[in-house]
Amino acid sequence: MPTVSLSDSLLQSVLAIAQQAGEHIRAFYAKSVKIHTKSDNTPVTEADLFVSQFLIEKLIALTPDIPVLSEENCETPLKVRSKWAQYWLIDPLDGTQQFINRTGQFSVMIALVEHNQPVLGVICAPILDCSYYAMKGFGAFKQTQQGVIQLVKRNIDLNGTVKIIVGSEKKIPKVRSFLNPNFHYEFQVFGSSGLKGARVAEGIADCYVRLGNTGEWDTAAAQVILHEINGTIFDRTFAPLSYNQRETFTNPDFIMVADEQINWENIFQTNTR
């Protein structure tokens, strides 16, 4: 199967596609949308479905030989997709509940996965007017109306406050239950799995803890961005996440961190080994 080479022109093309999708979401956000419940009891809107189809068409036009896997179109069996050397992995609207609740905390996410590892990632937050993007070996960046800044590697000092971002207030007690009590913690609450990972990469938080179901499309783009600033992502046994290696796309509980050099096992005492 033909593959596509990583290049700045590819990255910029994908960024433009994500931002075009964001404009479509902005239009849906300005009006009332139909909401349905999926088989896993999570919500889906007409915005999710429209943007999913838009992204699939645009990515196929950009790279006709590269398959596209969307959260809203993921029925391809493992025996078929396991042969893919590369594929696009997309979440057309990460944070659908946030979209419904009108918080602005949602995003479009596109990742290119190569040999079971994400190598290019774009996260576009249309209402927050910002995009995060990265490519393996090329660095990580944030784009706003003020311009583009490069996200930088940083060292976390555990003698200070460890800033942990979670999806809701109700998750805080459970997360706190497996934290080493000898350190000081500050909790932040924010929507969209991808945007929480981006805020870790940006330096607003030190780590993001996710307890509960997510899909591979929820982590792939943020993983690329984190890796480019010396961060990483692991499950509660401190093992890396996998992509396109199981029948299910469901991730285990995971933790995204900004500094992979830290001994995070000293912070997160999960007792799962």
Protein backbone atom coordinates (compact mmCIF):
# COMPACT_ATOMS: atom_id res chain seq x y z
CA MET A 1 0.00 0.00 0.00
CA PRO A 2 1.41 3.46 -0.90
CA THR A 3 2.25 5.80 1.97
CA VAL A 4 2.54 9.56 2.32
CA SER A 5 5.78 11.25 3.46
CA LEU A 6 5.76 13.62 6.41
CA SER A 7 6.33 17.19 5.25
CA ASP A 8 5.47 20.73 6.27
CA SER A 9 3.14 21.01 3.27
CA LEU A 10 1.23 17.92 4.43
CA LEU A 11 0.94 19.32 7.94
CA GLN A 12 -0.26 22.71 6.71
CA SER A 13 -2.82 21.05 4.42
CA VAL A 14 -4.23 19.01 7.31
CA LEU A 15 -4.29 22.09 9.53
CA ALA A 16 -6.28 23.95 6.88
CA ILE A 17 -8.75 21.05 6.58
CA ALA A 18 -9.24 20.96 10.37
CA GLN A 19 -9.85 24.71 10.44
CA GLN A 20 -12.35 24.46 7.58
CA ALA A 21 -14.14 21.76 9.57
CA GLY A 22 -14.06 24.10 12.54
CA GLU A 23 -15.89 26.75 10.52
CA HIS A 24 -18.62 24.22 9.75
CA ILE A 25 -18.89 23.44 13.47
CA ARG A 26 -19.06 27.16 14.24
CA ALA A 27 -22.06 27.41 11.88
CA PHE A 28 -23.80 24.48 13.59
CA TYR A 29 -23.00 26.01 16.99
CA ALA A 30 -24.93 29.15 16.02
CA LYS A 31 -28.18 27.24 15.58
CA SER A 32 -30.19 24.43 17.14
CA VAL A 33 -28.96 20.96 16.15
CA LYS A 34 -30.52 17.52 16.29
CA ILE A 35 -29.11 15.25 19.01
CA HIS A 36 -29.19 11.45 18.94
CA THR A 37 -27.93 8.80 21.37
CA LYS A 38 -25.46 6.20 20.07
CA SER A 39 -25.40 2.54 21.05
CA ASP A 40 -22.78 3.29 23.72
CA ASN A 41 -25.18 5.82 25.27
CA THR A 42 -23.08 8.84 24.22
CA PRO A 43 -24.57 11.76 22.30
CA VAL A 44 -24.02 12.49 18.62
CA THR A 45 -25.27 15.54 16.74
CA GLU A 46 -25.82 16.38 13.09
CA ALA A 47 -22.64 18.47 13.42
CA ASP A 48 -20.60 15.33 14.27
CA LEU A 49 -21.98 13.47 11.28
CA PHE A 50 -21.64 16.32 8.77
CA VAL A 51 -18.07 17.16 9.81
CA SER A 52 -17.10 13.49 9.81
CA GLN A 53 -18.15 13.18 6.17
CA PHE A 54 -16.48 16.50 5.31
CA LEU A 55 -13.16 15.39 6.82
CA ILE A 56 -13.29 11.98 5.13
CA GLU A 57 -13.85 13.58 1.73
CA LYS A 58 -11.13 16.20 2.20
CA LEU A 59 -8.52 13.71 3.46
CA ILE A 60 -9.26 11.26 0.65
CA ALA A 61 -8.82 14.12 -1.84
CA LEU A 62 -5.52 15.06 -0.18
CA THR A 63 -4.12 11.52 0.06
CA PRO A 64 -6.24 9.12 -2.05
CA ASP A 65 -4.27 6.02 -1.04
CA ILE A 66 -4.51 6.52 2.73
CA PRO A 67 -7.59 5.06 4.52
CA VAL A 68 -9.62 7.25 6.88
CA LEU A 69 -11.07 6.00 10.16
CA SER A 70 -13.58 8.24 11.95
CA GLU A 71 -15.24 7.92 15.33
CA GLU A 72 -18.52 8.09 13.41
CA ASN A 73 -17.45 5.54 10.78
CA CYS A 74 -15.29 2.85 12.38
CA GLU A 75 -16.74 -0.48 11.29
CA THR A 76 -13.65 -1.72 9.42
CA PRO A 77 -12.61 -5.07 10.99
CA LEU A 78 -9.13 -5.56 12.41
CA LYS A 79 -8.23 -8.18 9.80
CA VAL A 80 -8.57 -5.45 7.15
CA ARG A 81 -7.11 -2.45 8.93
CA SER A 82 -4.19 -4.40 10.46
CA LYS A 83 -2.71 -4.36 6.95
CA TRP A 84 -2.70 -0.56 6.87
CA ALA A 85 0.81 0.95 7.07
CA GLN A 86 -0.77 4.39 7.48
CA TYR A 87 -4.26 5.74 8.07
CA TRP A 88 -6.00 8.93 9.13
CA LEU A 89 -7.74 8.77 12.51
CA ILE A 90 -10.29 11.51 13.11
CA ASP A 91 -12.67 12.75 15.75
CA PRO A 92 -14.92 15.25 13.98
CA LEU A 93 -16.23 16.75 17.22
CA ASP A 94 -14.27 15.87 20.35
CA GLY A 95 -16.38 17.03 23.24
CA THR A 96 -19.88 16.57 21.84
CA GLN A 97 -21.40 17.05 25.30
CA GLN A 98 -19.47 20.31 25.65
CA PHE A 99 -20.88 21.37 22.27
CA ILE A 100 -24.39 20.56 23.49
CA ASN A 101 -23.75 22.38 26.79
CA ARG A 102 -22.36 25.37 24.83
CA THR A 103 -19.09 25.71 26.76
CA GLY A 104 -16.94 26.22 23.67
CA GLN A 105 -14.60 23.50 24.95
CA PHE A 106 -14.62 21.12 21.98
CA SER A 107 -12.40 20.47 19.00
CA VAL A 108 -11.80 18.84 15.65
CA MET A 109 -8.99 16.27 15.79
CA ILE A 110 -7.03 14.67 12.97
CA ALA A 111 -4.09 12.29 13.37
CA LEU A 112 -1.98 10.33 10.93
CA VAL A 113 -1.06 6.92 12.34
CA GLU A 114 1.94 5.10 10.88
CA HIS A 115 2.90 1.56 11.91
CA ASN A 116 0.51 1.76 14.89
CA GLN A 117 1.87 5.06 16.24
CA PRO A 118 0.52 8.59 15.69
CA VAL A 119 3.05 10.75 13.78
CA LEU A 120 1.00 13.85 12.90
CA GLY A 121 -1.69 15.51 14.95
CA VAL A 122 -3.95 18.55 14.66
CA ILE A 123 -6.43 19.83 17.25
CA CYS A 124 -8.61 22.78 16.21
CA ALA A 125 -10.87 24.55 18.72
CA PRO A 126 -13.11 26.80 16.60
CA ILE A 127 -14.90 28.68 19.37
CA LEU A 128 -11.69 29.20 21.38
CA ASP A 129 -10.04 30.41 18.15
CA CYS A 130 -6.89 28.30 18.46
CA SER A 131 -5.25 25.26 16.90
CA TYR A 132 -2.51 22.95 18.16
CA TYR A 133 -0.49 20.85 15.76
CA ALA A 134 2.64 18.72 15.62
CA MET A 135 4.48 16.21 13.49
CA LYS A 136 7.10 13.69 14.52
CA GLY A 137 10.49 15.38 14.53
CA PHE A 138 9.09 18.77 13.46
CA GLY A 139 8.06 20.27 16.83
CA ALA A 140 4.70 21.28 18.28
CA PHE A 141 2.89 24.59 17.77
CA LYS A 142 -0.11 26.65 18.82
CA GLN A 143 -1.80 29.00 16.35
CA THR A 144 -4.10 31.86 17.39
CA GLN A 145 -5.18 35.12 15.74
CA GLN A 146 -2.03 36.64 17.23
CA GLY A 147 0.20 34.23 15.32
CA VAL A 148 2.05 30.94 15.83
CA ILE A 149 4.16 30.00 18.83
CA GLN A 150 6.26 26.87 19.28
CA LEU A 151 5.45 24.80 22.35
CA VAL A 152 8.58 24.11 24.36
CA LYS A 153 9.90 21.31 26.48
CA ARG A 154 9.76 21.95 30.20
CA ASN A 155 10.89 20.29 33.38
CA ILE A 156 8.32 19.80 36.11
CA ASP A 157 9.41 20.53 39.67
CA LEU A 158 7.63 18.13 42.01
CA ASN A 159 8.57 20.32 44.96
CA GLY A 160 5.93 22.77 43.74
CA THR A 161 2.28 22.20 42.94
CA VAL A 162 1.42 19.44 40.46
CA LYS A 163 -1.38 20.77 38.24
CA ILE A 164 -3.80 18.01 37.21
CA ILE A 165 -6.53 18.53 34.64
CA VAL A 166 -9.67 16.37 34.61
CA GLY A 167 -12.98 16.34 32.76
CA SER A 168 -15.34 17.02 35.66
CA GLU A 169 -15.40 17.90 39.35
CA LYS A 170 -16.85 14.50 40.21
CA LYS A 171 -13.67 12.77 38.98
CA ILE A 172 -11.42 14.60 41.45
CA PRO A 173 -12.02 12.37 44.54
CA LYS A 174 -11.28 9.20 42.57
CA VAL A 175 -8.10 10.66 41.08
CA ARG A 176 -7.02 11.93 44.47
CA SER A 177 -7.49 8.42 45.90
CA PHE A 178 -4.44 7.09 44.04
CA LEU A 179 -2.18 10.15 44.35
CA ASN A 180 0.86 10.10 46.62
CA PRO A 181 -0.22 12.30 49.56
CA ASN A 182 3.30 13.64 50.03
CA PHE A 183 2.93 16.06 47.11
CA HIS A 184 0.77 19.13 46.62
CA TYR A 185 -1.89 19.10 43.89
CA GLU A 186 -4.10 21.60 42.11
CA PHE A 187 -7.05 20.45 39.99
CA GLN A 188 -8.41 22.04 36.84
CA VAL A 189 -11.59 21.09 34.99
CA PHE A 190 -11.86 21.42 31.23
CA GLY A 191 -13.77 19.82 28.34
CA SER A 192 -12.57 17.86 25.28
CA SER A 193 -10.00 15.12 25.78
CA GLY A 194 -7.81 16.56 23.04
CA LEU A 195 -7.88 20.07 24.45
CA LYS A 196 -6.95 18.81 27.91
CA GLY A 197 -3.92 17.10 26.36
CA ALA A 198 -3.09 20.29 24.47
CA ARG A 199 -3.25 22.32 27.69
CA VAL A 200 -0.74 19.91 29.21
CA ALA A 201 1.57 20.44 26.22
CA GLU A 202 1.09 24.20 26.47
CA GLY A 203 2.05 24.29 30.15
CA ILE A 204 -1.32 25.21 31.66
CA ALA A 205 -1.42 21.81 33.39
CA ASP A 206 1.26 19.23 34.19
CA CYS A 207 -0.85 16.15 33.54
CA TYR A 208 -4.28 15.01 32.46
CA VAL A 209 -5.91 12.00 34.10
CA ARG A 210 -8.72 10.23 32.28
CA LEU A 211 -10.81 7.60 34.03
CA GLY A 212 -13.50 6.08 31.83
CA ASN A 213 -14.03 5.18 28.22
CA THR A 214 -12.40 7.05 25.37
CA GLY A 215 -11.49 5.99 21.83
CA GLU A 216 -8.14 5.89 20.06
CA TRP A 217 -9.28 9.00 18.12
CA ASP A 218 -9.45 10.87 21.45
CA THR A 219 -5.73 10.51 22.18
CA ALA A 220 -3.80 10.17 18.91
CA ALA A 221 -3.44 13.85 17.95
CA ALA A 222 -2.59 14.97 21.48
CA GLN A 223 -0.03 12.17 21.79
CA VAL A 224 1.97 13.56 18.86
CA ILE A 225 1.88 17.07 20.33
CA LEU A 226 3.00 15.78 23.74
CA HIS A 227 5.84 13.69 22.34
CA GLU A 228 7.25 16.75 20.58
CA ILE A 229 7.58 18.62 23.90
CA ASN A 230 9.06 15.65 25.80
CA GLY A 231 5.73 14.53 27.19
CA THR A 232 4.03 11.17 26.92
CA ILE A 233 0.87 9.18 27.58
CA PHE A 234 0.48 5.87 29.43
CA ASP A 235 -2.19 3.71 31.01
CA ARG A 236 -2.51 2.99 34.72
CA THR A 237 0.12 0.26 34.48
CA PHE A 238 2.46 2.89 32.94
CA ALA A 239 2.38 1.09 29.58
CA PRO A 240 1.97 3.04 26.32
CA LEU A 241 -1.37 3.13 24.51
CA SER A 242 -1.82 1.02 21.38
CA TYR A 243 -3.36 1.95 18.03
CA ASN A 244 -5.04 -0.33 15.52
CA GLN A 245 -3.95 -3.49 17.30
CA ARG A 246 -7.25 -4.63 18.82
CA GLU A 247 -10.79 -5.24 17.59
CA THR A 248 -12.01 -2.54 19.96
CA PHE A 249 -10.95 1.11 19.73
CA THR A 250 -11.63 1.72 23.42
CA ASN A 251 -8.68 3.08 25.39
CA PRO A 252 -7.91 2.04 28.95
CA ASP A 253 -7.78 4.70 31.66
CA PHE A 254 -4.79 6.88 30.85
CA ILE A 255 -2.57 9.74 31.99
CA MET A 256 -1.00 12.38 29.75
CA VAL A 257 2.08 14.10 31.18
CA ALA A 258 4.25 17.02 30.09
CA ASP A 259 7.61 15.61 31.22
CA GLU A 260 8.38 11.95 30.54
CA GLN A 261 11.58 12.14 32.61
CA ILE A 262 9.62 12.38 35.86
CA ASN A 263 9.10 9.18 37.85
CA TRP A 264 5.32 9.36 37.58
CA GLU A 265 4.96 6.03 39.39
CA ASN A 266 5.91 7.99 42.51
CA ILE A 267 2.94 10.31 41.95
CA PHE A 268 0.27 7.91 40.67
CA GLN A 269 0.21 4.98 43.08
CA THR A 270 -2.23 2.88 41.11
CA ASN A 271 -1.27 -0.51 42.60
CA THR A 272 -2.16 -2.23 39.34
CA ARG A 273 1.12 -4.11 38.86
